[in-house]
Amino acid sequence: MTQEQQVPPRRRRVVRHVLMAVGIIAVAATGAWFYLTSGRYVGTDNAYIKAAKILVTPEVTGTILTVNIGDNQPVKKGDVLFTIDPTNYEIAVAKAQADLATATSEVMNLKAEYAQEITDMQKAKVLADYADKQYRRMVALKNSTAFSQSALDQVASQRDAAQQDIASFREQANQYVAQLDGDPNIAPENQSGVKAAAAALKKAELDLQRTTVRAPADGIVGTAPHVGDYARASVPQFNMVGSNDVWIEANYKETQLTSVKPGQPVTIEVDTYPGHKWTGTVESISPATGSEFSVLPAQNSTGNWVKVVQRIAVRIAVDRKSDEMRLRAGMSTNVTIDTGFYPHWPGSEPPKTAVARNTLG
């Protein structure tokens, strides 16, 4: 008789029922545990690497003379990208320098003319005073035969002419003072005309400096320009992608953001580098859904309405590593946010600042 046949049938049924009950309890406990602890991590594969897109725009116009970069070349801030023919701007600087010298010379001439007018006015005052005294003396002796009426009239005429000269010299001196900004002792560099000429020179020198176009930030060049291309001021010449500021834009469903808030840790997997993980942090949450930023947002108040779960962009800061795995703008990623909150756990409450708020009025 085998061992199984030796066990009483009733005992076998009891053991079987106990094992079944234990199995059911184990499965139920496992399911309950996973249910209660689920929801802490929220992930999405609708996430892409973003970087600053820089439009390299020359500030002066001219023909490109030299190009120091190539397509897809990394550059550092301040590196010379290309140069524009500086001939016209060198001529402008020379002219502005000459204009400044001329303006300074004109101020010096005005100061000299003013000083001459003051000297002439003082001489005219002396003559007027002498003619006035002579006239008064002759009037006092009018009844005598020492002076004739014609002699008296001549002295009076000399006095009046000297006084008119004083008024003329004073008027001319006032005109010079006005051209000297009201201060006859002004330093030439403080006079308005000289300041304008100095500003024009500075502008010309700045334009000359701008013929050398430098990298505004660290980044990677897109399609480089060519020698002979015509650069226009304020018109973008080519694109760069910044390499310092790299982040991830994760488009989560609105139902996933209940417990998400800035500062929470993030695990990042990039499709290009399987098996390699980055870490990051939730930096901010968009104040509106993606559809609100579209050129033609949906008008749910018209036509037949169908509810669609919206997506909200979450900006994730990436903890950069000193390795050779370069993150490039547009790469696809999988991101998982650790909210630290179990939504199904009894008595557990979500963070009070779960979703970033935006006051719209």
Protein backbone atom coordinates (compact mmCIF):
# COMPACT_ATOMS: atom_id res chain seq x y z
CA MET A 1 0.00 0.00 0.00
CA THR A 2 1.37 3.39 -0.98
CA GLN A 3 1.84 6.31 1.43
CA GLU A 4 -1.01 8.24 -0.23
CA GLN A 5 -3.35 5.30 0.23
CA GLN A 6 -2.38 5.15 3.89
CA VAL A 7 -3.59 8.76 4.50
CA PRO A 8 -7.28 8.83 5.40
CA PRO A 9 -9.49 10.43 2.70
CA ARG A 10 -10.93 12.98 5.14
CA ARG A 11 -7.49 14.19 6.12
CA ARG A 12 -6.56 14.59 2.48
CA ARG A 13 -9.62 16.74 1.91
CA VAL A 14 -8.76 18.93 4.89
CA VAL A 15 -5.19 19.43 3.67
CA ARG A 16 -6.44 20.24 0.19
CA HIS A 17 -8.95 22.79 1.51
CA VAL A 18 -6.32 24.40 3.73
CA LEU A 19 -3.87 24.70 0.82
CA MET A 20 -6.58 26.19 -1.39
CA ALA A 21 -7.54 28.68 1.32
CA VAL A 22 -3.92 29.67 1.88
CA GLY A 23 -3.44 30.12 -1.87
CA ILE A 24 -6.53 32.28 -2.16
CA ILE A 25 -5.47 34.38 0.85
CA ALA A 26 -1.95 34.77 -0.57
CA VAL A 27 -3.25 35.86 -3.96
CA ALA A 28 -5.75 38.25 -2.34
CA ALA A 29 -3.08 39.69 -0.03
CA THR A 30 -0.66 40.14 -2.91
CA GLY A 31 -3.33 41.82 -5.02
CA ALA A 32 -4.36 44.05 -2.14
CA TRP A 33 -0.75 44.99 -1.48
CA PHE A 34 -0.11 45.92 -5.10
CA TYR A 35 -3.39 47.85 -5.19
CA LEU A 36 -2.66 49.81 -2.02
CA THR A 37 0.91 50.63 -3.02
CA SER A 38 0.16 51.38 -6.69
CA GLY A 39 -0.08 54.90 -8.04
CA ARG A 40 3.10 56.19 -6.43
CA TYR A 41 4.95 56.23 -9.75
CA VAL A 42 3.49 57.92 -12.83
CA GLY A 43 5.22 57.48 -16.16
CA THR A 44 4.84 58.34 -19.81
CA ASP A 45 6.67 57.75 -23.05
CA ASN A 46 5.29 60.99 -24.53
CA ALA A 47 8.42 62.82 -23.44
CA TYR A 48 11.17 64.41 -25.48
CA ILE A 49 14.47 66.13 -24.82
CA LYS A 50 14.43 69.88 -25.33
CA ALA A 51 17.23 72.41 -25.62
CA ALA A 52 17.50 76.12 -26.27
CA LYS A 53 17.25 76.92 -29.97
CA ILE A 54 19.44 79.91 -30.75
CA LEU A 55 19.06 81.95 -33.91
CA VAL A 56 22.43 83.45 -34.81
CA THR A 57 21.48 86.85 -36.17
CA PRO A 58 24.08 89.36 -37.44
CA GLU A 59 23.56 92.95 -36.32
CA VAL A 60 25.17 94.50 -39.41
CA THR A 61 24.77 93.93 -43.12
CA GLY A 62 27.45 92.81 -45.54
CA THR A 63 29.13 89.98 -47.42
CA ILE A 64 30.51 87.10 -45.34
CA LEU A 65 34.28 87.24 -45.65
CA THR A 66 35.43 84.26 -43.55
CA VAL A 67 33.72 81.27 -41.90
CA ASN A 68 35.37 79.53 -38.94
CA ILE A 69 32.81 76.77 -38.33
CA GLY A 70 31.36 73.72 -40.03
CA ASP A 71 28.04 71.88 -39.94
CA ASN A 72 27.21 70.22 -36.59
CA GLN A 73 30.33 71.66 -34.95
CA PRO A 74 30.36 72.27 -31.17
CA VAL A 75 31.31 75.83 -30.20
CA LYS A 76 31.92 77.70 -26.98
CA LYS A 77 30.50 81.06 -26.01
CA GLY A 78 32.61 83.81 -27.56
CA ASP A 79 34.08 81.69 -30.38
CA VAL A 80 34.28 83.50 -33.72
CA LEU A 81 31.67 82.02 -36.06
CA PHE A 82 32.16 84.16 -39.16
CA THR A 83 33.19 87.66 -40.19
CA ILE A 84 31.50 90.22 -42.41
CA ASP A 85 33.42 92.47 -44.81
CA PRO A 86 34.42 95.43 -42.57
CA THR A 87 35.44 97.91 -45.32
CA ASN A 88 32.31 100.07 -45.21
CA TYR A 89 32.35 100.11 -41.43
CA GLU A 90 36.02 101.09 -41.28
CA ILE A 91 35.18 104.03 -43.55
CA ALA A 92 32.26 104.94 -41.28
CA VAL A 93 34.59 104.94 -38.26
CA ALA A 94 37.08 107.21 -40.04
CA LYS A 95 34.30 109.64 -40.99
CA ALA A 96 32.89 109.62 -37.45
CA GLN A 97 36.36 110.37 -36.07
CA ALA A 98 36.69 113.30 -38.46
CA ASP A 99 33.22 114.56 -37.51
CA LEU A 100 34.14 114.41 -33.83
CA ALA A 101 37.34 116.36 -34.47
CA THR A 102 35.38 118.94 -36.47
CA ALA A 103 32.75 119.30 -33.74
CA THR A 104 35.45 119.77 -31.10
CA SER A 105 37.18 122.37 -33.28
CA GLU A 106 33.88 124.22 -33.76
CA VAL A 107 33.39 124.40 -30.00
CA MET A 108 36.87 125.82 -29.55
CA ASN A 109 36.14 128.38 -32.28
CA LEU A 110 32.86 129.32 -30.61
CA LYS A 111 34.64 129.86 -27.31
CA ALA A 112 37.26 132.03 -29.05
CA GLU A 113 34.59 134.03 -30.90
CA TYR A 114 32.71 134.54 -27.66
CA ALA A 115 35.85 135.79 -25.94
CA GLN A 116 36.49 138.20 -28.87
CA GLU A 117 32.92 139.52 -28.70
CA ILE A 118 33.32 140.18 -24.97
CA THR A 119 36.57 142.04 -25.64
CA ASP A 120 34.97 144.12 -28.41
CA MET A 121 31.98 144.85 -26.18
CA GLN A 122 34.26 146.09 -23.42
CA LYS A 123 36.05 148.37 -25.90
CA ALA A 124 32.71 149.66 -27.09
CA LYS A 125 31.71 150.39 -23.50
CA VAL A 126 34.88 152.43 -23.01
CA LEU A 127 34.13 154.44 -26.17
CA ALA A 128 30.50 154.90 -25.18
CA ASP A 129 31.46 156.09 -21.71
CA TYR A 130 33.98 158.55 -23.15
CA ALA A 131 31.49 159.86 -25.74
CA ASP A 132 28.81 160.22 -23.05
CA LYS A 133 31.15 162.18 -20.80
CA GLN A 134 32.22 164.33 -23.74
CA TYR A 135 28.61 164.96 -24.65
CA ARG A 136 27.69 165.93 -21.08
CA ARG A 137 30.64 168.30 -20.89
CA MET A 138 29.68 169.95 -24.13
CA VAL A 139 26.05 170.29 -23.03
CA ALA A 140 27.22 172.03 -19.88
CA LEU A 141 29.14 174.51 -22.04
CA LYS A 142 26.39 174.80 -24.60
CA ASN A 143 25.91 178.58 -24.14
CA SER A 144 29.56 179.31 -24.68
CA THR A 145 31.08 179.84 -28.06
CA ALA A 146 33.62 177.07 -27.49
CA PHE A 147 31.54 174.37 -29.24
CA SER A 148 29.24 174.57 -32.20
CA GLN A 149 26.00 172.70 -32.52
CA SER A 150 27.48 170.48 -35.19
CA ALA A 151 30.29 169.45 -32.86
CA LEU A 152 27.72 168.58 -30.18
CA ASP A 153 25.72 166.52 -32.65
CA GLN A 154 28.85 164.68 -33.73
CA VAL A 155 29.70 163.64 -30.15
CA ALA A 156 26.11 162.56 -29.56
CA SER A 157 26.29 160.44 -32.72
CA GLN A 158 29.53 158.81 -31.56
CA ARG A 159 27.94 157.99 -28.20
CA ASP A 160 24.85 156.45 -29.81
CA ALA A 161 26.97 154.42 -32.24
CA ALA A 162 29.12 153.07 -29.40
CA GLN A 163 25.98 152.05 -27.49
CA GLN A 164 24.62 150.31 -30.59
CA ASP A 165 27.95 148.47 -30.93
CA ILE A 166 27.61 147.31 -27.31
CA ALA A 167 24.13 145.91 -28.02
CA SER A 168 25.39 144.22 -31.20
CA PHE A 169 28.38 142.63 -29.46
CA ARG A 170 26.13 141.47 -26.59
CA GLU A 171 23.65 139.89 -29.02
CA GLN A 172 26.41 138.10 -30.90
CA ALA A 173 27.95 136.90 -27.63
CA ASN A 174 24.55 135.54 -26.51
CA GLN A 175 24.31 133.57 -29.76
CA TYR A 176 27.70 132.01 -29.10
CA VAL A 177 26.63 131.17 -25.52
CA ALA A 178 23.51 129.47 -26.85
CA GLN A 179 25.64 127.32 -29.16
CA LEU A 180 27.81 126.48 -26.16
CA ASP A 181 24.74 125.09 -24.32
CA GLY A 182 24.47 128.22 -22.18
CA ASP A 183 27.91 127.87 -20.62
CA PRO A 184 30.77 129.81 -22.24
CA ASN A 185 33.24 127.90 -20.03
CA ILE A 186 31.94 124.47 -21.02
CA ALA A 187 34.46 121.70 -21.69
CA PRO A 188 34.39 120.73 -25.39
CA GLU A 189 33.53 117.10 -24.62
CA ASN A 190 30.39 118.21 -22.72
CA GLN A 191 28.93 120.28 -25.54
CA SER A 192 25.86 118.69 -27.18
CA GLY A 193 27.27 118.73 -30.71
CA VAL A 194 30.47 117.06 -29.56
CA LYS A 195 28.45 114.50 -27.57
CA ALA A 196 26.40 113.67 -30.67
CA ALA A 197 29.57 113.23 -32.73
CA ALA A 198 31.11 111.06 -30.00
CA ALA A 199 27.96 108.91 -29.90
CA ALA A 200 28.09 108.54 -33.69
CA LEU A 201 31.72 107.45 -33.42
CA LYS A 202 30.85 104.92 -30.74
CA LYS A 203 28.04 103.55 -32.91
CA ALA A 204 30.39 103.26 -35.90
CA GLU A 205 33.01 101.48 -33.78
CA LEU A 206 30.33 99.14 -32.42
CA ASP A 207 29.14 98.31 -35.94
CA LEU A 208 32.75 97.58 -36.89
CA GLN A 209 33.08 95.21 -33.92
CA ARG A 210 29.84 93.51 -34.94
CA THR A 211 31.34 92.48 -38.27
CA THR A 212 32.91 89.68 -36.21
CA VAL A 213 30.03 87.39 -35.23
CA ARG A 214 30.66 85.32 -32.11
CA ALA A 215 28.78 82.44 -30.50
CA PRO A 216 26.24 83.82 -28.00
CA ALA A 217 26.36 80.62 -25.91
CA ASP A 218 27.77 77.10 -25.81
CA GLY A 219 26.08 74.90 -28.36
CA ILE A 220 26.20 72.99 -31.63
CA VAL A 221 25.99 74.66 -35.01
CA GLY A 222 23.30 73.55 -37.43
CA THR A 223 24.01 74.37 -41.07
CA ALA A 224 26.97 76.74 -41.24
CA PRO A 225 27.01 79.71 -43.66
CA HIS A 226 29.39 79.95 -46.59
CA VAL A 227 31.93 82.53 -47.69
CA GLY A 228 30.23 84.96 -50.06
CA ASP A 229 26.77 84.66 -48.50
CA TYR A 230 25.11 88.01 -47.87
CA ALA A 231 24.27 88.63 -44.23
CA ARG A 232 21.44 91.02 -43.41
CA ALA A 233 21.08 92.81 -40.11
CA SER A 234 18.32 91.39 -37.88
CA VAL A 235 17.78 88.42 -40.25
CA PRO A 236 18.77 85.00 -38.77
CA GLN A 237 21.73 83.47 -40.57
CA PHE A 238 21.60 79.94 -39.10
CA ASN A 239 20.47 77.94 -36.06
CA MET A 240 22.34 76.68 -33.02
CA VAL A 241 21.21 74.26 -30.34
CA GLY A 242 22.34 75.21 -26.85
CA SER A 243 24.23 72.56 -24.92
CA ASN A 244 24.05 74.03 -21.41
CA ASP A 245 20.31 74.18 -20.85
CA VAL A 246 18.84 70.74 -21.62
CA TRP A 247 15.52 69.60 -20.19
CA ILE A 248 12.70 67.14 -20.88
CA GLU A 249 9.16 68.05 -21.81
CA ALA A 250 6.90 65.22 -20.66
CA ASN A 251 3.28 65.40 -21.81
CA TYR A 252 1.27 63.70 -19.07
CA LYS A 253 -2.42 63.01 -19.16
CA GLU A 254 -4.28 65.37 -16.88
CA THR A 255 -5.48 62.42 -14.82
CA GLN A 256 -1.90 61.50 -13.98
CA LEU A 257 -0.97 64.81 -12.36
CA THR A 258 -3.08 64.53 -9.22
CA SER A 259 -0.05 64.01 -6.96
CA VAL A 260 2.69 65.52 -9.11
CA LYS A 261 4.43 68.65 -7.88
CA PRO A 262 7.73 70.45 -8.51
CA GLY A 263 10.77 68.98 -6.77
CA GLN A 264 9.81 65.32 -7.10
CA PRO A 265 12.51 62.91 -8.37
CA VAL A 266 12.33 61.48 -11.87
CA THR A 267 13.89 58.45 -13.54
CA ILE A 268 14.71 58.95 -17.22
CA GLU A 269 15.40 56.40 -19.95
CA VAL A 270 16.47 57.59 -23.41
CA ASP A 271 15.56 55.41 -26.37
CA THR A 272 18.96 56.06 -27.97
CA TYR A 273 20.84 54.61 -24.99
CA PRO A 274 18.99 51.46 -23.84
CA GLY A 275 19.93 50.24 -20.38
CA HIS A 276 21.28 53.62 -19.29
CA LYS A 277 19.31 55.77 -16.87
CA TRP A 278 19.43 59.43 -15.95
CA THR A 279 17.89 61.13 -12.95
CA GLY A 280 16.03 64.38 -12.87
CA THR A 281 13.61 66.59 -10.98
CA VAL A 282 10.18 67.98 -11.76
CA GLU A 283 10.95 71.64 -12.41
CA SER A 284 7.54 73.06 -13.30
CA ILE A 285 4.10 72.22 -14.64
CA SER A 286 2.55 74.08 -17.56
CA PRO A 287 -0.30 76.47 -16.63
CA ALA A 288 -2.45 75.13 -19.49
CA THR A 289 -2.98 72.08 -21.64
CA GLY A 290 -1.23 71.75 -24.97
CA SER A 291 -4.42 72.43 -26.92
CA GLU A 292 -4.73 75.86 -25.28
CA PHE A 293 -1.42 76.91 -26.84
CA SER A 294 -2.35 75.74 -30.34
CA VAL A 295 -3.00 78.27 -33.10
CA LEU A 296 -6.61 77.08 -33.40
CA PRO A 297 -7.67 75.75 -29.97
CA ALA A 298 -10.66 73.42 -29.76
CA GLN A 299 -14.03 75.11 -29.35
CA ASN A 300 -15.89 72.69 -27.11
CA SER A 301 -18.94 74.91 -26.89
CA THR A 302 -19.80 74.36 -30.55
CA GLY A 303 -20.80 71.31 -32.58
CA ASN A 304 -20.85 67.78 -31.26
CA TRP A 305 -18.72 67.51 -28.16
CA VAL A 306 -16.59 64.46 -27.40
CA LYS A 307 -14.60 64.44 -24.19
CA VAL A 308 -10.88 63.88 -24.78
CA VAL A 309 -8.37 63.48 -21.99
CA GLN A 310 -6.01 66.44 -22.28
CA ARG A 311 -2.26 66.44 -21.80
CA ILE A 312 -0.27 68.93 -19.75
CA ALA A 313 3.43 69.52 -20.26
CA VAL A 314 5.75 68.89 -17.31
CA ARG A 315 9.25 70.36 -17.47
CA ILE A 316 11.87 68.03 -16.02
CA ALA A 317 15.39 69.17 -15.21
CA VAL A 318 18.02 66.57 -16.10
CA ASP A 319 20.92 65.81 -13.78
CA ARG A 320 23.78 65.97 -16.27
CA LYS A 321 26.53 63.39 -16.05
CA SER A 322 30.13 63.74 -17.10
CA ASP A 323 29.91 60.95 -19.65
CA GLU A 324 30.08 60.83 -23.41
CA MET A 325 26.40 60.10 -23.95
CA ARG A 326 25.22 63.34 -25.49
CA LEU A 327 21.58 64.23 -25.11
CA ARG A 328 20.28 65.80 -28.29
CA ALA A 329 17.13 67.85 -28.70
CA GLY A 330 14.17 65.82 -29.93
CA MET A 331 15.27 62.43 -28.57
CA SER A 332 12.44 60.22 -27.29
CA THR A 333 12.47 59.28 -23.62
CA ASN A 334 10.52 57.37 -21.00
CA VAL A 335 10.13 59.22 -17.71
CA THR A 336 8.77 58.05 -14.37
CA ILE A 337 7.96 60.48 -11.55
CA ASP A 338 8.15 59.30 -7.96
CA THR A 339 5.32 61.18 -6.25
CA GLY A 340 6.00 59.56 -2.86
CA PHE A 341 2.23 59.19 -2.39
CA TYR A 342 0.08 56.06 -2.29
CA PRO A 343 -3.39 57.17 -3.43
CA HIS A 344 -5.10 53.89 -2.39
CA TRP A 345 -3.59 53.69 1.07
CA PRO A 346 -6.21 54.24 3.80
CA GLY A 347 -5.90 57.67 5.45
CA SER A 348 -3.31 58.89 2.97
CA GLU A 349 -3.81 62.46 1.73
CA PRO A 350 -2.29 63.93 -1.41
CA PRO A 351 0.18 66.83 -1.09
CA LYS A 352 -1.56 70.16 -0.65
CA THR A 353 0.52 71.64 -3.49
CA ALA A 354 0.01 68.65 -5.75
CA VAL A 355 -0.53 70.53 -8.99
CA ALA A 356 1.11 73.84 -9.76
CA ARG A 357 -1.56 76.54 -9.78
CA ASN A 358 -1.77 79.38 -12.22
CA THR A 359 -3.93 82.37 -11.37
CA LEU A 360 -5.55 83.59 -14.55
CA GLY A 361 -7.53 86.43 -12.99
